[in-house]
Amino acid sequence: MLGLVSVVAVFGLVGFSSFLVQSQFRLEQIEKQLNEERQEFERLRLQTAELSSPERILKIARSELGMVDPETVVPLTAPSHGEPLDRAGQGARAWAEVKPFLASEP
């Protein structure tokens, strides 16, 4: 009886040891993949920063889209909170101020 218990215990230990080795191997694979994904994330983050830089956007707007800097800048102000809006007078005046700056075609 004691021999049977010993054999079962040895097989149990061998099986558990095998399970631990497989688990360690899988853990190493996951850690390797995690490091690769972190490197890819950093690469994409850098690429995003480069592509969204204001200098790059301005360069594309001027060279590829034909945009130009305005000759003059006219600030438009909205009525403050609680101030009544005279839609008939304000709207027509605001449109007259803005219309010269709009393109004739989209």
PDB file of N, CA and C in Angstrom:
ATOM      1  N   MET A   1       0.822  -1.195   0.000  1.00  0.00           N
ATOM      2  CA  MET A   1       0.000   0.000   0.000  1.00  0.00           C
ATOM      3  C   MET A   1       0.865   1.257   0.000  1.00  0.00           C
ATOM      4  N   LEU A   2       1.900   1.229   0.824  1.00  0.00           N
ATOM      5  CA  LEU A   2       2.796   2.375   0.900  1.00  0.00           C
ATOM      6  C   LEU A   2       3.511   2.583  -0.436  1.00  0.00           C
ATOM      7  N   GLY A   3       3.828   1.520  -1.123  1.00  0.00           N
ATOM      8  CA  GLY A   3       4.469   1.598  -2.435  1.00  0.00           C
ATOM      9  C   GLY A   3       3.550   2.236  -3.459  1.00  0.00           C
ATOM     10  N   LEU A   4       2.259   1.915  -3.412  1.00  0.00           N
ATOM     11  CA  LEU A   4       1.283   2.493  -4.336  1.00  0.00           C
ATOM     12  C   LEU A   4       1.135   3.994  -4.104  1.00  0.00           C
ATOM     13  N   VAL A   5       1.093   4.379  -2.849  1.00  0.00           N
ATOM     14  CA  VAL A   5       0.993   5.809  -2.512  1.00  0.00           C
ATOM     15  C   VAL A   5       2.233   6.536  -2.990  1.00  0.00           C
ATOM     16  N   SER A   6       3.388   5.912  -2.838  1.00  0.00           N
ATOM     17  CA  SER A   6       4.643   6.533  -3.284  1.00  0.00           C
ATOM     18  C   SER A   6       4.651   6.709  -4.801  1.00  0.00           C
ATOM     19  N   VAL A   7       4.218   5.702  -5.537  1.00  0.00           N
ATOM     20  CA  VAL A   7       4.175   5.777  -7.006  1.00  0.00           C
ATOM     21  C   VAL A   7       3.203   6.866  -7.454  1.00  0.00           C
ATOM     22  N   VAL A   8       2.044   6.918  -6.820  1.00  0.00           N
ATOM     23  CA  VAL A   8       1.056   7.956  -7.169  1.00  0.00           C
ATOM     24  C   VAL A   8       1.622   9.339  -6.857  1.00  0.00           C
ATOM     25  N   ALA A   9       2.312   9.484  -5.732  1.00  0.00           N
ATOM     26  CA  ALA A   9       2.903  10.773  -5.359  1.00  0.00           C
ATOM     27  C   ALA A   9       3.974  11.182  -6.364  1.00  0.00           C
ATOM     28  N   VAL A  10       4.809  10.241  -6.787  1.00  0.00           N
ATOM     29  CA  VAL A  10       5.860  10.549  -7.764  1.00  0.00           C
ATOM     30  C   VAL A  10       5.232  10.977  -9.087  1.00  0.00           C
ATOM     31  N   PHE A  11       4.234  10.247  -9.559  1.00  0.00           N
ATOM     32  CA  PHE A  11       3.555  10.643 -10.805  1.00  0.00           C
ATOM     33  C   PHE A  11       2.872  12.007 -10.661  1.00  0.00           C
ATOM     34  N   GLY A  12       2.320  12.261  -9.495  1.00  0.00           N
ATOM     35  CA  GLY A  12       1.702  13.562  -9.241  1.00  0.00           C
ATOM     36  C   GLY A  12       2.720  14.682  -9.302  1.00  0.00           C
ATOM     37  N   LEU A  13       3.883  14.462  -8.688  1.00  0.00           N
ATOM     38  CA  LEU A  13       4.944  15.476  -8.715  1.00  0.00           C
ATOM     39  C   LEU A  13       5.483  15.682 -10.125  1.00  0.00           C
ATOM     40  N   VAL A  14       5.646  14.611 -10.876  1.00  0.00           N
ATOM     41  CA  VAL A  14       6.122  14.724 -12.262  1.00  0.00           C
ATOM     42  C   VAL A  14       5.096  15.486 -13.111  1.00  0.00           C
ATOM     43  N   GLY A  15       3.841  15.173 -12.951  1.00  0.00           N
ATOM     44  CA  GLY A  15       2.791  15.873 -13.689  1.00  0.00           C
ATOM     45  C   GLY A  15       2.728  17.343 -13.323  1.00  0.00           C
ATOM     46  N   PHE A  16       2.838  17.645 -12.050  1.00  0.00           N
ATOM     47  CA  PHE A  16       2.803  19.041 -11.601  1.00  0.00           C
ATOM     48  C   PHE A  16       4.021  19.796 -12.109  1.00  0.00           C
ATOM     49  N   SER A  17       5.175  19.149 -12.083  1.00  0.00           N
ATOM     50  CA  SER A  17       6.398  19.769 -12.591  1.00  0.00           C
ATOM     51  C   SER A  17       6.264  20.061 -14.079  1.00  0.00           C
ATOM     52  N   SER A  18       5.708  19.122 -14.821  1.00  0.00           N
ATOM     53  CA  SER A  18       5.483  19.327 -16.250  1.00  0.00           C
ATOM     54  C   SER A  18       4.531  20.496 -16.490  1.00  0.00           C
ATOM     55  N   PHE A  19       3.497  20.584 -15.687  1.00  0.00           N
ATOM     56  CA  PHE A  19       2.541  21.690 -15.787  1.00  0.00           C
ATOM     57  C   PHE A  19       3.240  23.025 -15.512  1.00  0.00           C
ATOM     58  N   LEU A  20       4.111  23.081 -14.516  1.00  0.00           N
ATOM     59  CA  LEU A  20       4.828  24.309 -14.191  1.00  0.00           C
ATOM     60  C   LEU A  20       5.753  24.733 -15.329  1.00  0.00           C
ATOM     61  N   VAL A  21       6.436  23.767 -15.939  1.00  0.00           N
ATOM     62  CA  VAL A  21       7.334  24.083 -17.052  1.00  0.00           C
ATOM     63  C   VAL A  21       6.536  24.629 -18.231  1.00  0.00           C
ATOM     64  N   GLN A  22       5.410  24.019 -18.563  1.00  0.00           N
ATOM     65  CA  GLN A  22       4.572  24.506 -19.656  1.00  0.00           C
ATOM     66  C   GLN A  22       4.035  25.904 -19.355  1.00  0.00           C
ATOM     67  N   SER A  23       3.637  26.120 -18.106  1.00  0.00           N
ATOM     68  CA  SER A  23       3.118  27.433 -17.719  1.00  0.00           C
ATOM     69  C   SER A  23       4.203  28.499 -17.817  1.00  0.00           C
ATOM     70  N   GLN A  24       5.414  28.163 -17.402  1.00  0.00           N
ATOM     71  CA  GLN A  24       6.527  29.110 -17.483  1.00  0.00           C
ATOM     72  C   GLN A  24       6.840  29.442 -18.937  1.00  0.00           C
ATOM     73  N   PHE A  25       6.809  28.437 -19.807  1.00  0.00           N
ATOM     74  CA  PHE A  25       7.053  28.663 -21.231  1.00  0.00           C
ATOM     75  C   PHE A  25       5.991  29.597 -21.815  1.00  0.00           C
ATOM     76  N   ARG A  26       4.740  29.365 -21.479  1.00  0.00           N
ATOM     77  CA  ARG A  26       3.640  30.219 -21.968  1.00  0.00           C
ATOM     78  C   ARG A  26       3.779  31.638 -21.431  1.00  0.00           C
ATOM     79  N   LEU A  27       4.181  31.765 -20.178  1.00  0.00           N
ATOM     80  CA  LEU A  27       4.376  33.084 -19.578  1.00  0.00           C
ATOM     81  C   LEU A  27       5.477  33.851 -20.299  1.00  0.00           C
ATOM     82  N   GLU A  28       6.557  33.178 -20.648  1.00  0.00           N
ATOM     83  CA  GLU A  28       7.641  33.826 -21.387  1.00  0.00           C
ATOM     84  C   GLU A  28       7.179  34.270 -22.763  1.00  0.00           C
ATOM     85  N   GLN A  29       6.347  33.464 -23.427  1.00  0.00           N
ATOM     86  CA  GLN A  29       5.798  33.849 -24.731  1.00  0.00           C
ATOM     87  C   GLN A  29       4.928  35.096 -24.599  1.00  0.00           C
ATOM     88  N   ILE A  30       4.111  35.134 -23.573  1.00  0.00           N
ATOM     89  CA  ILE A  30       3.221  36.286 -23.364  1.00  0.00           C
ATOM     90  C   ILE A  30       4.031  37.538 -23.056  1.00  0.00           C
ATOM     91  N   GLU A  31       5.082  37.409 -22.244  1.00  0.00           N
ATOM     92  CA  GLU A  31       5.926  38.566 -21.931  1.00  0.00           C
ATOM     93  C   GLU A  31       6.633  39.080 -23.184  1.00  0.00           C
ATOM     94  N   LYS A  32       7.087  38.170 -24.042  1.00  0.00           N
ATOM     95  CA  LYS A  32       7.726  38.575 -25.294  1.00  0.00           C
ATOM     96  C   LYS A  32       6.731  39.333 -26.174  1.00  0.00           C
ATOM     97  N   GLN A  33       5.519  38.817 -26.292  1.00  0.00           N
ATOM     98  CA  GLN A  33       4.491  39.475 -27.094  1.00  0.00           C
ATOM     99  C   GLN A  33       4.138  40.839 -26.501  1.00  0.00           C
ATOM    100  N   LEU A  34       4.075  40.928 -25.189  1.00  0.00           N
ATOM    101  CA  LEU A  34       3.782  42.194 -24.525  1.00  0.00           C
ATOM    102  C   LEU A  34       4.850  43.237 -24.847  1.00  0.00           C
ATOM    103  N   ASN A  35       6.112  42.845 -24.814  1.00  0.00           N
ATOM    104  CA  ASN A  35       7.193  43.780 -25.143  1.00  0.00           C
ATOM    105  C   ASN A  35       7.108  44.235 -26.593  1.00  0.00           C
ATOM    106  N   GLU A  36       6.780  43.306 -27.497  1.00  0.00           N
ATOM    107  CA  GLU A  36       6.629  43.675 -28.907  1.00  0.00           C
ATOM    108  C   GLU A  36       5.477  44.653 -29.099  1.00  0.00           C
ATOM    109  N   GLU A  37       4.376  44.407 -28.413  1.00  0.00           N
ATOM    110  CA  GLU A  37       3.217  45.308 -28.522  1.00  0.00           C
ATOM    111  C   GLU A  37       3.522  46.674 -27.926  1.00  0.00           C
ATOM    112  N   ARG A  38       4.281  46.721 -26.869  1.00  0.00           N
ATOM    113  CA  ARG A  38       4.679  48.020 -26.283  1.00  0.00           C
ATOM    114  C   ARG A  38       5.543  48.808 -27.256  1.00  0.00           C
ATOM    115  N   GLN A  39       6.467  48.133 -27.922  1.00  0.00           N
ATOM    116  CA  GLN A  39       7.312  48.807 -28.910  1.00  0.00           C
ATOM    117  C   GLN A  39       6.467  49.325 -30.075  1.00  0.00           C
ATOM    118  N   GLU A  40       5.512  48.525 -30.513  1.00  0.00           N
ATOM    119  CA  GLU A  40       4.627  48.963 -31.603  1.00  0.00           C
ATOM    120  C   GLU A  40       3.778  50.152 -31.168  1.00  0.00           C
ATOM    121  N   PHE A  41       3.303  50.130 -29.930  1.00  0.00           N
ATOM    122  CA  PHE A  41       2.521  51.248 -29.403  1.00  0.00           C
ATOM    123  C   PHE A  41       3.348  52.529 -29.394  1.00  0.00           C
ATOM    124  N   GLU A  42       4.586  52.441 -28.938  1.00  0.00           N
ATOM    125  CA  GLU A  42       5.454  53.625 -28.909  1.00  0.00           C
ATOM    126  C   GLU A  42       5.742  54.131 -30.318  1.00  0.00           C
ATOM    127  N   ARG A  43       5.957  53.204 -31.258  1.00  0.00           N
ATOM    128  CA  ARG A  43       6.192  53.605 -32.645  1.00  0.00           C
ATOM    129  C   ARG A  43       4.976  54.332 -33.219  1.00  0.00           C
ATOM    130  N   LEU A  44       3.785  53.796 -32.963  1.00  0.00           N
ATOM    131  CA  LEU A  44       2.561  54.423 -33.467  1.00  0.00           C
ATOM    132  C   LEU A  44       2.282  55.751 -32.782  1.00  0.00           C
ATOM    133  N   ARG A  45       2.619  55.842 -31.497  1.00  0.00           N
ATOM    134  CA  ARG A  45       2.432  57.107 -30.788  1.00  0.00           C
ATOM    135  C   ARG A  45       3.334  58.190 -31.360  1.00  0.00           C
ATOM    136  N   LEU A  46       4.578  57.833 -31.672  1.00  0.00           N
ATOM    137  CA  LEU A  46       5.500  58.780 -32.290  1.00  0.00           C
ATOM    138  C   LEU A  46       5.007  59.178 -33.679  1.00  0.00           C
ATOM    139  N   GLN A  47       4.527  58.198 -34.445  1.00  0.00           N
ATOM    140  CA  GLN A  47       4.009  58.496 -35.781  1.00  0.00           C
ATOM    141  C   GLN A  47       2.799  59.434 -35.699  1.00  0.00           C
ATOM    142  N   THR A  48       1.923  59.208 -34.735  1.00  0.00           N
ATOM    143  CA  THR A  48       0.761  60.078 -34.552  1.00  0.00           C
ATOM    144  C   THR A  48       1.193  61.501 -34.226  1.00  0.00           C
ATOM    145  N   ALA A  49       2.184  61.631 -33.355  1.00  0.00           N
ATOM    146  CA  ALA A  49       2.677  62.963 -32.997  1.00  0.00           C
ATOM    147  C   ALA A  49       3.278  63.671 -34.207  1.00  0.00           C
ATOM    148  N   GLU A  50       4.020  62.934 -35.023  1.00  0.00           N
ATOM    149  CA  GLU A  50       4.620  63.534 -36.215  1.00  0.00           C
ATOM    150  C   GLU A  50       3.556  63.945 -37.228  1.00  0.00           C
ATOM    151  N   LEU A  51       2.564  63.081 -37.442  1.00  0.00           N
ATOM    152  CA  LEU A  51       1.534  63.375 -38.442  1.00  0.00           C
ATOM    153  C   LEU A  51       0.598  64.494 -38.018  1.00  0.00           C
ATOM    154  N   SER A  52       0.425  64.689 -36.730  1.00  0.00           N
ATOM    155  CA  SER A  52      -0.509  65.720 -36.270  1.00  0.00           C
ATOM    156  C   SER A  52       0.194  67.008 -35.848  1.00  0.00           C
ATOM    157  N   SER A  53       1.459  67.141 -36.182  1.00  0.00           N
ATOM    158  CA  SER A  53       2.164  68.365 -35.799  1.00  0.00           C
ATOM    159  C   SER A  53       1.596  69.561 -36.577  1.00  0.00           C
ATOM    160  N   PRO A  54       1.449  70.690 -35.921  1.00  0.00           N
ATOM    161  CA  PRO A  54       0.894  71.870 -36.608  1.00  0.00           C
ATOM    162  C   PRO A  54       1.719  72.290 -37.821  1.00  0.00           C
ATOM    163  N   GLU A  55       3.036  72.138 -37.761  1.00  0.00           N
ATOM    164  CA  GLU A  55       3.879  72.525 -38.896  1.00  0.00           C
ATOM    165  C   GLU A  55       3.557  71.682 -40.126  1.00  0.00           C
ATOM    166  N   ARG A  56       3.383  70.368 -39.925  1.00  0.00           N
ATOM    167  CA  ARG A  56       3.066  69.480 -41.038  1.00  0.00           C
ATOM    168  C   ARG A  56       1.693  69.803 -41.610  1.00  0.00           C
ATOM    169  N   ILE A  57       0.732  70.029 -40.750  1.00  0.00           N
ATOM    170  CA  ILE A  57      -0.626  70.343 -41.210  1.00  0.00           C
ATOM    171  C   ILE A  57      -0.635  71.650 -41.997  1.00  0.00           C
ATOM    172  N   LEU A  58       0.091  72.650 -41.506  1.00  0.00           N
ATOM    173  CA  LEU A  58       0.172  73.934 -42.195  1.00  0.00           C
ATOM    174  C   LEU A  58       0.835  73.778 -43.558  1.00  0.00           C
ATOM    175  N   LYS A  59       1.900  72.983 -43.629  1.00  0.00           N
ATOM    176  CA  LYS A  59       2.594  72.748 -44.895  1.00  0.00           C
ATOM    177  C   LYS A  59       1.664  72.084 -45.909  1.00  0.00           C
ATOM    178  N   ILE A  60       0.926  71.079 -45.491  1.00  0.00           N
ATOM    179  CA  ILE A  60      -0.007  70.392 -46.401  1.00  0.00           C
ATOM    180  C   ILE A  60      -1.132  71.337 -46.816  1.00  0.00           C
ATOM    181  N   ALA A  61      -1.636  72.119 -45.871  1.00  0.00           N
ATOM    182  CA  ALA A  61      -2.719  73.051 -46.192  1.00  0.00           C
ATOM    183  C   ALA A  61      -2.280  74.048 -47.260  1.00  0.00           C
ATOM    184  N   ARG A  62      -1.055  74.516 -47.165  1.00  0.00           N
ATOM    185  CA  ARG A  62      -0.577  75.499 -48.142  1.00  0.00           C
ATOM    186  C   ARG A  62      -0.191  74.851 -49.462  1.00  0.00           C
ATOM    187  N   SER A  63       0.563  73.738 -49.410  1.00  0.00           N
ATOM    188  CA  SER A  63       1.092  73.173 -50.652  1.00  0.00           C
ATOM    189  C   SER A  63       0.074  72.314 -51.403  1.00  0.00           C
ATOM    190  N   GLU A  64      -0.658  71.471 -50.707  1.00  0.00           N
ATOM    191  CA  GLU A  64      -1.557  70.547 -51.390  1.00  0.00           C
ATOM    192  C   GLU A  64      -2.986  71.064 -51.507  1.00  0.00           C
ATOM    193  N   LEU A  65      -3.433  71.843 -50.548  1.00  0.00           N
ATOM    194  CA  LEU A  65      -4.821  72.314 -50.564  1.00  0.00           C
ATOM    195  C   LEU A  65      -4.954  73.744 -51.071  1.00  0.00           C
ATOM    196  N   GLY A  66      -3.822  74.420 -51.275  1.00  0.00           N
ATOM    197  CA  GLY A  66      -3.850  75.772 -51.821  1.00  0.00           C
ATOM    198  C   GLY A  66      -4.355  76.833 -50.857  1.00  0.00           C
ATOM    199  N   MET A  67      -4.297  76.571 -49.581  1.00  0.00           N
ATOM    200  CA  MET A  67      -4.770  77.563 -48.609  1.00  0.00           C
ATOM    201  C   MET A  67      -3.713  78.657 -48.442  1.00  0.00           C
ATOM    202  N   VAL A  68      -4.171  79.852 -48.154  1.00  0.00           N
ATOM    203  CA  VAL A  68      -3.271  80.989 -47.956  1.00  0.00           C
ATOM    204  C   VAL A  68      -3.623  81.687 -46.650  1.00  0.00           C
ATOM    205  N   ASP A  69      -2.671  82.452 -46.135  1.00  0.00           N
ATOM    206  CA  ASP A  69      -2.934  83.230 -44.923  1.00  0.00           C
ATOM    207  C   ASP A  69      -3.851  84.396 -45.274  1.00  0.00           C
ATOM    208  N   PRO A  70      -4.779  84.745 -44.391  1.00  0.00           N
ATOM    209  CA  PRO A  70      -5.683  85.857 -44.685  1.00  0.00           C
ATOM    210  C   PRO A  70      -4.931  87.187 -44.652  1.00  0.00           C
ATOM    211  N   GLU A  71      -5.409  88.136 -45.460  1.00  0.00           N
ATOM    212  CA  GLU A  71      -4.798  89.460 -45.454  1.00  0.00           C
ATOM    213  C   GLU A  71      -5.146  90.193 -44.168  1.00  0.00           C
ATOM    214  N   THR A  72      -6.383  90.047 -43.745  1.00  0.00           N
ATOM    215  CA  THR A  72      -6.812  90.677 -42.490  1.00  0.00           C
ATOM    216  C   THR A  72      -7.636  89.665 -41.706  1.00  0.00           C
ATOM    217  N   VAL A  73      -7.678  89.870 -40.418  1.00  0.00           N
ATOM    218  CA  VAL A  73      -8.462  89.004 -39.547  1.00  0.00           C
ATOM    219  C   VAL A  73      -9.518  89.859 -38.879  1.00  0.00           C
ATOM    220  N   VAL A  74     -10.763  89.448 -39.022  1.00  0.00           N
ATOM    221  CA  VAL A  74     -11.865  90.184 -38.416  1.00  0.00           C
ATOM    222  C   VAL A  74     -12.454  89.305 -37.319  1.00  0.00           C
ATOM    223  N   PRO A  75     -12.300  89.723 -36.077  1.00  0.00           N
ATOM    224  CA  PRO A  75     -12.881  88.915 -35.000  1.00  0.00           C
ATOM    225  C   PRO A  75     -14.396  89.072 -34.958  1.00  0.00           C
ATOM    226  N   LEU A  76     -15.078  87.985 -34.780  1.00  0.00           N
ATOM    227  CA  LEU A  76     -16.529  88.006 -34.637  1.00  0.00           C
ATOM    228  C   LEU A  76     -16.852  87.711 -33.184  1.00  0.00           C
ATOM    229  N   THR A  77     -17.765  88.453 -32.627  1.00  0.00           N
ATOM    230  CA  THR A  77     -18.120  88.245 -31.226  1.00  0.00           C
ATOM    231  C   THR A  77     -19.568  87.773 -31.137  1.00  0.00           C
ATOM    232  N   ALA A  78     -19.768  86.863 -30.254  1.00  0.00           N
ATOM    233  CA  ALA A  78     -21.112  86.371 -29.993  1.00  0.00           C
ATOM    234  C   ALA A  78     -21.682  87.146 -28.817  1.00  0.00           C
ATOM    235  N   PRO A  79     -22.994  87.271 -28.763  1.00  0.00           N
ATOM    236  CA  PRO A  79     -23.578  87.982 -27.614  1.00  0.00           C
ATOM    237  C   PRO A  79     -23.296  87.206 -26.329  1.00  0.00           C
ATOM    238  N   SER A  80     -23.108  87.949 -25.256  1.00  0.00           N
ATOM    239  CA  SER A  80     -22.831  87.297 -23.979  1.00  0.00           C
ATOM    240  C   SER A  80     -24.098  86.644 -23.440  1.00  0.00           C
ATOM    241  N   HIS A  81     -23.908  85.805 -22.473  1.00  0.00           N
ATOM    242  CA  HIS A  81     -25.024  85.073 -21.865  1.00  0.00           C
ATOM    243  C   HIS A  81     -26.050  86.050 -21.299  1.00  0.00           C
ATOM    244  N   GLY A  82     -27.273  85.863 -21.681  1.00  0.00           N
ATOM    245  CA  GLY A  82     -28.344  86.702 -21.159  1.00  0.00           C
ATOM    246  C   GLY A  82     -28.600  87.945 -21.986  1.00  0.00           C
ATOM    247  N   GLU A  83     -27.715  88.294 -22.888  1.00  0.00           N
ATOM    248  CA  GLU A  83     -27.902  89.479 -23.721  1.00  0.00           C
ATOM    249  C   GLU A  83     -28.877  89.141 -24.845  1.00  0.00           C
ATOM    250  N   PRO A  84     -29.925  89.938 -25.033  1.00  0.00           N
ATOM    251  CA  PRO A  84     -30.890  89.622 -26.092  1.00  0.00           C
ATOM    252  C   PRO A  84     -30.256  89.795 -27.466  1.00  0.00           C
ATOM    253  N   LEU A  85     -30.673  88.976 -28.401  1.00  0.00           N
ATOM    254  CA  LEU A  85     -30.153  89.014 -29.755  1.00  0.00           C
ATOM    255  C   LEU A  85     -31.219  89.578 -30.675  1.00  0.00           C
ATOM    256  N   ASP A  86     -30.914  90.695 -31.287  1.00  0.00           N
ATOM    257  CA  ASP A  86     -31.808  91.295 -32.272  1.00  0.00           C
ATOM    258  C   ASP A  86     -31.553  90.575 -33.591  1.00  0.00           C
ATOM    259  N   ARG A  87     -32.324  89.548 -33.858  1.00  0.00           N
ATOM    260  CA  ARG A  87     -32.059  88.676 -35.005  1.00  0.00           C
ATOM    261  C   ARG A  87     -32.146  89.424 -36.338  1.00  0.00           C
ATOM    262  N   ALA A  88     -33.032  90.341 -36.465  1.00  0.00           N
ATOM    263  CA  ALA A  88     -33.183  91.028 -37.752  1.00  0.00           C
ATOM    264  C   ALA A  88     -31.972  91.913 -38.033  1.00  0.00           C
ATOM    265  N   GLY A  89     -31.579  92.725 -37.084  1.00  0.00           N
ATOM    266  CA  GLY A  89     -30.471  93.651 -37.305  1.00  0.00           C
ATOM    267  C   GLY A  89     -29.112  92.981 -37.179  1.00  0.00           C
ATOM    268  N   GLN A  90     -28.905  92.183 -36.153  1.00  0.00           N
ATOM    269  CA  GLN A  90     -27.613  91.545 -35.890  1.00  0.00           C
ATOM    270  C   GLN A  90     -27.272  90.528 -36.979  1.00  0.00           C
ATOM    271  N   GLY A  91     -28.256  89.740 -37.367  1.00  0.00           N
ATOM    272  CA  GLY A  91     -27.986  88.708 -38.355  1.00  0.00           C
ATOM    273  C   GLY A  91     -27.580  89.284 -39.697  1.00  0.00           C
ATOM    274  N   ALA A  92     -28.266  90.291 -40.139  1.00  0.00           N
ATOM    275  CA  ALA A  92     -27.957  90.885 -41.428  1.00  0.00           C
ATOM    276  C   ALA A  92     -26.593  91.566 -41.383  1.00  0.00           C
ATOM    277  N   ARG A  93     -26.294  92.245 -40.291  1.00  0.00           N
ATOM    278  CA  ARG A  93     -25.006  92.919 -40.159  1.00  0.00           C
ATOM    279  C   ARG A  93     -23.870  91.906 -40.090  1.00  0.00           C
ATOM    280  N   ALA A  94     -24.075  90.842 -39.313  1.00  0.00           N
ATOM    281  CA  ALA A  94     -23.035  89.821 -39.185  1.00  0.00           C
ATOM    282  C   ALA A  94     -22.795  89.151 -40.536  1.00  0.00           C
ATOM    283  N   TRP A  95     -23.863  88.876 -41.290  1.00  0.00           N
ATOM    284  CA  TRP A  95     -23.697  88.255 -42.599  1.00  0.00           C
ATOM    285  C   TRP A  95     -22.936  89.176 -43.539  1.00  0.00           C
ATOM    286  N   ALA A  96     -23.218  90.443 -43.501  1.00  0.00           N
ATOM    287  CA  ALA A  96     -22.513  91.392 -44.362  1.00  0.00           C
ATOM    288  C   ALA A  96     -21.032  91.452 -44.005  1.00  0.00           C
ATOM    289  N   GLU A  97     -20.703  91.282 -42.726  1.00  0.00           N
ATOM    290  CA  GLU A  97     -19.298  91.307 -42.316  1.00  0.00           C
ATOM    291  C   GLU A  97     -18.568  90.026 -42.709  1.00  0.00           C
ATOM    292  N   VAL A  98     -19.255  88.914 -42.678  1.00  0.00           N
ATOM    293  CA  VAL A  98     -18.622  87.625 -42.925  1.00  0.00           C
ATOM    294  C   VAL A  98     -18.571  87.280 -44.406  1.00  0.00           C
ATOM    295  N   LYS A  99     -19.580  87.671 -45.171  1.00  0.00           N
ATOM    296  CA  LYS A  99     -19.716  87.260 -46.567  1.00  0.00           C
ATOM    297  C   LYS A  99     -18.478  87.525 -47.423  1.00  0.00           C
ATOM    298  N   PRO A 100     -17.766  88.641 -47.300  1.00  0.00           N
ATOM    299  CA  PRO A 100     -16.591  88.862 -48.155  1.00  0.00           C
ATOM    300  C   PRO A 100     -15.475  87.842 -47.944  1.00  0.00           C
ATOM    301  N   PHE A 101     -15.470  87.205 -46.799  1.00  0.00           N
ATOM    302  CA  PHE A 101     -14.393  86.261 -46.481  1.00  0.00           C
ATOM    303  C   PHE A 101     -14.713  84.837 -46.930  1.00  0.00           C
ATOM    304  N   LEU A 102     -15.912  84.592 -47.378  1.00  0.00           N
ATOM    305  CA  LEU A 102     -16.298  83.252 -47.816  1.00  0.00           C
ATOM    306  C   LEU A 102     -15.993  83.080 -49.300  1.00  0.00           C
ATOM    307  N   ALA A 103     -15.610  81.892 -49.658  1.00  0.00           N
ATOM    308  CA  ALA A 103     -15.294  81.605 -51.060  1.00  0.00           C
ATOM    309  C   ALA A 103     -16.579  81.538 -51.864  1.00  0.00           C
ATOM    310  N   SER A 104     -16.474  81.852 -53.132  1.00  0.00           N
ATOM    311  CA  SER A 104     -17.665  81.784 -53.985  1.00  0.00           C
ATOM    312  C   SER A 104     -18.028  80.341 -54.310  1.00  0.00           C
ATOM    313  N   GLU A 105     -17.028  79.417 -54.223  1.00  0.00           N
ATOM    314  CA  GLU A 105     -17.268  78.003 -54.479  1.00  0.00           C
ATOM    315  C   GLU A 105     -16.721  77.197 -53.317  1.00  0.00           C
ATOM    316  N   PRO A 106     -17.313  76.041 -53.050  1.00  0.00           N
ATOM    317  CA  PRO A 106     -16.805  75.215 -51.949  1.00  0.00           C
ATOM    318  C   PRO A 106     -15.460  74.600 -52.257  1.00  0.00           C
TER     319      PRO A 106
END
